[in-house]
Protein backbone atom coordinates (compact mmCIF):
# COMPACT_ATOMS: atom_id res chain seq x y z
CA MET A 1 86.10 72.18 77.14
CA ASN A 2 82.71 73.70 77.99
CA ASN A 3 82.35 76.10 75.06
CA PRO A 4 82.24 74.36 71.65
CA ARG A 5 82.48 77.74 69.85
CA LYS A 6 85.92 78.19 68.30
CA ILE A 7 87.82 81.31 67.32
CA THR A 8 91.06 81.81 65.46
CA ARG A 9 93.79 84.05 66.80
CA THR A 10 97.16 84.98 65.37
CA PHE A 11 100.18 85.45 67.61
CA ARG A 12 103.74 86.48 66.86
CA ILE A 13 105.88 83.70 68.28
CA PRO A 14 109.62 83.36 67.69
CA ALA A 15 110.26 80.97 64.80
CA ASP A 16 112.77 78.84 66.69
CA LEU A 17 110.25 78.24 69.48
CA VAL A 18 107.53 77.22 66.99
CA GLU A 19 109.96 74.83 65.27
CA ARG A 20 110.94 73.26 68.62
CA PHE A 21 107.25 73.01 69.54
CA ASP A 22 106.46 71.25 66.24
CA ARG A 23 109.30 68.76 66.77
CA ALA A 24 108.31 68.08 70.39
CA ALA A 25 104.64 67.61 69.48
CA GLU A 26 105.60 65.16 66.72
CA LEU A 27 107.93 63.30 69.06
CA VAL A 28 105.22 62.61 71.65
CA GLU A 29 102.43 62.42 69.06
CA VAL A 30 100.21 65.04 70.63
CA ASN A 31 97.67 67.37 69.05
CA LYS A 32 99.26 70.83 68.96
CA THR A 33 95.92 72.58 69.49
CA ASP A 34 95.35 70.54 72.64
CA VAL A 35 98.75 71.62 73.97
CA VAL A 36 98.03 75.31 73.31
CA VAL A 37 94.51 75.06 74.80
CA LYS A 38 95.92 73.35 77.91
CA ALA A 39 98.60 76.04 78.29
CA ILE A 40 95.98 78.79 78.01
CA GLU A 41 93.68 77.04 80.50
CA ASP A 42 96.56 76.64 82.97
CA PHE A 43 97.46 80.31 82.61
CA VAL A 44 93.87 81.48 83.10
CA LEU A 45 93.37 79.24 86.15
CA ARG A 46 96.61 80.50 87.72
CA VAL A 47 95.60 84.14 87.21
CA GLU A 48 92.08 83.53 88.52
CA ARG A 49 93.44 81.66 91.57
CA GLU A 50 95.84 84.54 92.33
CA LYS A 51 92.93 86.98 92.09
CA VAL A 52 90.92 84.94 94.59
CA MET A 53 93.90 84.74 96.96
CA ASN A 54 94.40 88.52 96.73
CA GLU A 55 90.71 89.03 97.53
CA MET A 56 91.04 86.76 100.56
CA ASP A 57 94.17 88.57 101.75
CA LYS A 58 92.22 91.82 101.64
CA TYR A 59 89.82 90.49 104.30
CA TYR A 60 92.39 88.86 106.60
CA GLU A 61 93.00 92.13 108.42
CA TYR A 62 89.30 92.29 109.31
CA VAL A 63 89.29 88.68 110.50
CA LYS A 64 92.36 89.51 112.62
CA PHE A 65 90.51 92.47 114.10
CA GLY A 66 87.62 90.11 114.94
CA ASN A 67 90.15 87.77 116.60
CA GLU A 68 91.51 90.64 118.68
CA LEU A 69 88.02 91.76 119.67
CA ARG A 70 87.07 88.18 120.59
CA ASN A 71 90.15 87.92 122.82
CA LYS A 72 89.29 91.17 124.59
CA LEU A 73 85.63 90.22 125.04
CA GLY A 74 86.41 86.79 126.42
CA SER A 75 83.32 84.78 127.29
CA GLN A 76 81.04 87.59 126.06
CA ALA A 77 82.41 87.46 122.50
CA GLY A 78 79.68 85.12 121.29
CA VAL A 79 76.89 87.33 122.65
CA HIS A 80 78.32 90.43 120.98
CA ALA A 81 78.97 88.54 117.72
CA ILE A 82 75.31 87.46 117.62
CA GLN A 83 74.12 91.03 118.26
CA LEU A 84 76.38 92.38 115.54
CA SER A 85 75.38 89.61 113.15
CA ASP A 86 71.68 90.25 113.76
CA ALA A 87 72.16 93.95 113.01
CA LEU A 88 74.06 93.16 109.83
CA ASN A 89 71.57 90.49 108.69
CA ILE A 90 68.62 92.87 108.88
CA ASN A 91 70.63 95.33 106.79
CA ASN A 92 70.93 97.82 109.60
CA THR A 93 74.37 99.28 108.96
CA VAL A 94 73.83 102.07 111.49
CA ASP A 95 72.91 99.65 114.29
CA PHE A 96 75.86 97.40 113.41
CA LEU A 97 78.26 100.35 113.47
CA GLN A 98 76.87 101.73 116.72
CA LYS A 99 77.40 98.38 118.43
CA LEU A 100 80.87 97.96 116.92
CA ILE A 101 81.90 101.53 117.82
CA ARG A 102 80.72 101.01 121.39
CA LEU A 103 82.83 97.85 121.67
CA CYS A 104 85.84 99.56 120.11
CA ILE A 105 85.60 102.47 122.53
CA ASN A 106 85.13 100.22 125.56
CA TYR A 107 88.11 98.05 124.62
CA ARG A 108 90.29 100.83 123.21
CA LEU A 109 90.41 99.51 119.67
CA GLN A 110 90.54 101.53 116.48
CA ILE A 111 87.32 101.26 114.48
CA PRO A 112 88.30 99.26 111.39
CA ILE A 113 85.52 100.19 108.93
CA THR A 114 83.20 103.02 107.98
CA PRO A 115 79.81 102.74 106.26
CA SER A 116 81.07 104.58 103.19
CA GLU A 117 83.75 101.97 102.48
CA SER A 118 83.41 99.75 99.48
CA GLU A 119 82.54 96.16 100.37
CA PHE A 120 81.35 97.23 103.83
CA THR A 121 79.19 94.13 104.31
CA GLU A 122 81.99 91.74 103.32
CA LYS A 123 84.41 93.43 105.71
CA ALA A 124 81.84 93.35 108.50
CA GLN A 125 81.29 89.64 107.85
CA ALA A 126 85.05 89.05 108.04
CA ILE A 127 85.10 90.76 111.47
CA LEU A 128 82.26 88.49 112.59
CA LEU A 129 84.17 85.44 111.35
CA GLY A 130 87.11 86.50 113.47
CA MET A 131 84.86 87.01 116.49
CA ALA A 132 83.34 83.57 115.90
CA GLY A 133 86.74 81.95 116.11
CA MET A 134 88.15 81.80 112.59
CA GLU A 135 91.89 82.11 113.03
CA VAL A 136 94.34 83.65 110.58
CA GLU A 137 98.09 83.50 110.61
C-alpha cells in the first residue's frame, strides 16, 4: 500500500456476516485487515476502470466519424488529417473548424462538434485518430 497513513472507520455490517467472516479468516489464517483492504482496493479499481471505459466510449463516436471521413476522402485522407492536426496543434480552433466544416459540406456529413462544446480538443483528436486509421467496432 502506497500511503502508510491509517484511518479508522466504523461500518454497520450484519452480525451474521461478520461472524462468518471471522470464522473464514481464522480457518485460512489470514489477517482480517488485509482482507478488508484488498476488498476495498478491488472495489476502487473496478469503479475507476469503469470510469475510464465510459470516458473512452464517449469518444468512440468521434473516432467513428473520423473513420467515415477517411473512407470518403480516400487517398487524400492523410493530407487532410495533417492539415487538421496542424491547425489543432497550433491551438487554432477556428482554422480547424473551418477546414472540418469544408470537408463535411463537400462530403455531405453532419458536423460533429462545435467550438463551445466541452472537451472540444479531445473530441477533435478522436476525429483525427479515426482519420489516421484507428478503427472502432
